[in-house]
C-alpha atoms as a PDB file:
ATOM      1  CA  UNK A   1       7.164  26.197  -7.218  1.00  0.00           C
ATOM      2  CA  UNK A   2       9.103  22.932  -7.084  1.00  0.00           C
ATOM      3  CA  UNK A   3       7.244  20.057  -5.442  1.00  0.00           C
ATOM      4  CA  UNK A   4       8.511  18.613  -2.180  1.00  0.00           C
ATOM      5  CA  UNK A   5       9.146  15.260  -3.900  1.00  0.00           C
ATOM      6  CA  UNK A   6      11.323  17.010  -6.504  1.00  0.00           C
ATOM      7  CA  UNK A   7      13.214  18.875  -3.757  1.00  0.00           C
ATOM      8  CA  UNK A   8      13.899  15.607  -1.940  1.00  0.00           C
ATOM      9  CA  UNK A   9      15.065  13.854  -5.104  1.00  0.00           C
ATOM     10  CA  UNK A  10      17.278  16.787  -6.133  1.00  0.00           C
ATOM     11  CA  UNK A  11      18.841  17.404  -2.712  1.00  0.00           C
ATOM     12  CA  UNK A  12      22.525  16.550  -2.281  1.00  0.00           C
ATOM     13  CA  UNK A  13      23.584  15.582   1.219  1.00  0.00           C
ATOM     14  CA  UNK A  14      27.082  16.540   2.393  1.00  0.00           C
ATOM     15  CA  UNK A  15      29.465  13.824   3.575  1.00  0.00           C
ATOM     16  CA  UNK A  16      28.687  12.889   7.176  1.00  0.00           C
ATOM     17  CA  UNK A  17      25.280  14.556   7.035  1.00  0.00           C
ATOM     18  CA  UNK A  18      21.639  13.675   6.619  1.00  0.00           C
ATOM     19  CA  UNK A  19      18.821  15.760   5.150  1.00  0.00           C
ATOM     20  CA  UNK A  20      15.474  15.850   6.969  1.00  0.00           C
ATOM     21  CA  UNK A  21      12.027  16.997   5.834  1.00  0.00           C
ATOM     22  CA  UNK A  22       8.899  17.160   7.984  1.00  0.00           C
ATOM     23  CA  UNK A  23       5.792  15.751   6.283  1.00  0.00           C
ATOM     24  CA  UNK A  24       3.316  17.095   8.866  1.00  0.00           C
ATOM     25  CA  UNK A  25       1.754  15.136  11.674  1.00  0.00           C
ATOM     26  CA  UNK A  26       4.353  12.496  12.673  1.00  0.00           C
ATOM     27  CA  UNK A  27       5.889  11.986   9.218  1.00  0.00           C
ATOM     28  CA  UNK A  28       9.496  12.627   8.253  1.00  0.00           C
ATOM     29  CA  UNK A  29      11.774  11.947   5.290  1.00  0.00           C
ATOM     30  CA  UNK A  30      15.488  11.294   5.757  1.00  0.00           C
ATOM     31  CA  UNK A  31      18.024  11.266   2.936  1.00  0.00           C
ATOM     32  CA  UNK A  32      21.606  10.088   3.261  1.00  0.00           C
ATOM     33  CA  UNK A  33      24.792  10.975   1.434  1.00  0.00           C
ATOM     34  CA  UNK A  34      24.378   7.754  -0.588  1.00  0.00           C
ATOM     35  CA  UNK A  35      20.930   9.003  -1.792  1.00  0.00           C
ATOM     36  CA  UNK A  36      18.996   6.449   0.285  1.00  0.00           C
ATOM     37  CA  UNK A  37      15.575   7.881   1.140  1.00  0.00           C
ATOM     38  CA  UNK A  38      13.634   6.760   4.217  1.00  0.00           C
ATOM     39  CA  UNK A  39      10.014   7.770   4.790  1.00  0.00           C
ATOM     40  CA  UNK A  40       8.930   7.379   8.424  1.00  0.00           C
ATOM     41  CA  UNK A  41       5.190   7.414   9.144  1.00  0.00           C
ATOM     42  CA  UNK A  42       4.430   9.404   5.983  1.00  0.00           C
ATOM     43  CA  UNK A  43       0.588   9.226   6.176  1.00  0.00           C
ATOM     44  CA  UNK A  44       0.181  10.146   2.511  1.00  0.00           C
ATOM     45  CA  UNK A  45      -3.459   9.171   2.175  1.00  0.00           C
ATOM     46  CA  UNK A  46      -6.726   9.589   4.048  1.00  0.00           C
ATOM     47  CA  UNK A  47      -6.965   5.899   4.936  1.00  0.00           C
ATOM     48  CA  UNK A  48      -7.383   6.575   8.668  1.00  0.00           C
ATOM     49  CA  UNK A  49     -10.325   8.887   8.021  1.00  0.00           C
ATOM     50  CA  UNK A  50     -11.936   6.336   5.731  1.00  0.00           C
ATOM     51  CA  UNK A  51     -11.369   3.443   8.135  1.00  0.00           C
ATOM     52  CA  UNK A  52     -11.915   5.110  11.508  1.00  0.00           C
ATOM     53  CA  UNK A  53     -13.403   8.568  10.899  1.00  0.00           C
ATOM     54  CA  UNK A  54     -10.376  10.505  12.215  1.00  0.00           C
ATOM     55  CA  UNK A  55      -9.685  13.546  10.050  1.00  0.00           C
ATOM     56  CA  UNK A  56      -6.148  14.723   9.280  1.00  0.00           C
ATOM     57  CA  UNK A  57      -4.840  17.582  11.408  1.00  0.00           C
ATOM     58  CA  UNK A  58      -2.865  19.018   8.468  1.00  0.00           C
ATOM     59  CA  UNK A  59      -2.995  18.491   4.731  1.00  0.00           C
ATOM     60  CA  UNK A  60      -0.566  15.959   3.251  1.00  0.00           C
ATOM     61  CA  UNK A  61       2.707  17.688   2.361  1.00  0.00           C
ATOM     62  CA  UNK A  62       3.395  15.237  -0.442  1.00  0.00           C
ATOM     63  CA  UNK A  63       1.116  12.983  -2.465  1.00  0.00           C
ATOM     64  CA  UNK A  64       1.741   9.266  -2.791  1.00  0.00           C
ATOM     65  CA  UNK A  65       1.660   9.584  -6.594  1.00  0.00           C
ATOM     66  CA  UNK A  66       4.565  12.057  -6.503  1.00  0.00           C
ATOM     67  CA  UNK A  67       6.832   9.736  -4.513  1.00  0.00           C
ATOM     68  CA  UNK A  68       8.696   8.000  -7.310  1.00  0.00           C
ATOM     69  CA  UNK A  69      11.963   7.156  -5.577  1.00  0.00           C
ATOM     70  CA  UNK A  70      12.331   5.768  -2.089  1.00  0.00           C
ATOM     71  CA  UNK A  71      14.461   3.224  -0.304  1.00  0.00           C
ATOM     72  CA  UNK A  72      12.313   2.364   2.699  1.00  0.00           C
ATOM     73  CA  UNK A  73       8.913   3.196   4.135  1.00  0.00           C
ATOM     74  CA  UNK A  74       7.961   2.683   7.752  1.00  0.00           C
ATOM     75  CA  UNK A  75       4.331   3.138   8.687  1.00  0.00           C
ATOM     76  CA  UNK A  76       1.847   1.481  11.018  1.00  0.00           C
ATOM     77  CA  UNK A  77      -1.007   0.646   8.654  1.00  0.00           C
ATOM     78  CA  UNK A  78       0.869  -0.878   5.738  1.00  0.00           C
ATOM     79  CA  UNK A  79       2.121   0.635   2.509  1.00  0.00           C
ATOM     80  CA  UNK A  80       0.597   3.932   1.468  1.00  0.00           C
ATOM     81  CA  UNK A  81       2.329   3.729  -1.901  1.00  0.00           C
ATOM     82  CA  UNK A  82       0.016   1.055  -3.334  1.00  0.00           C
END
């Protein structure tokens, strides 16, 4: 089965459109026709559990190590790609 990261990278967006993937919890990925990729609140790690004791509601849909190509990341607790 192809990984979600590979699906995102391979996806071709039609002119005037945008592709959207749900990453579980509040996270989404958007991809534009120009291949720009925007991760919004991806929560790719367990940093919140480690810092505050709150467990994830759902498993991560994509691992931070598998995200090799992205244009922007927006998240509240800093970069989860480090």
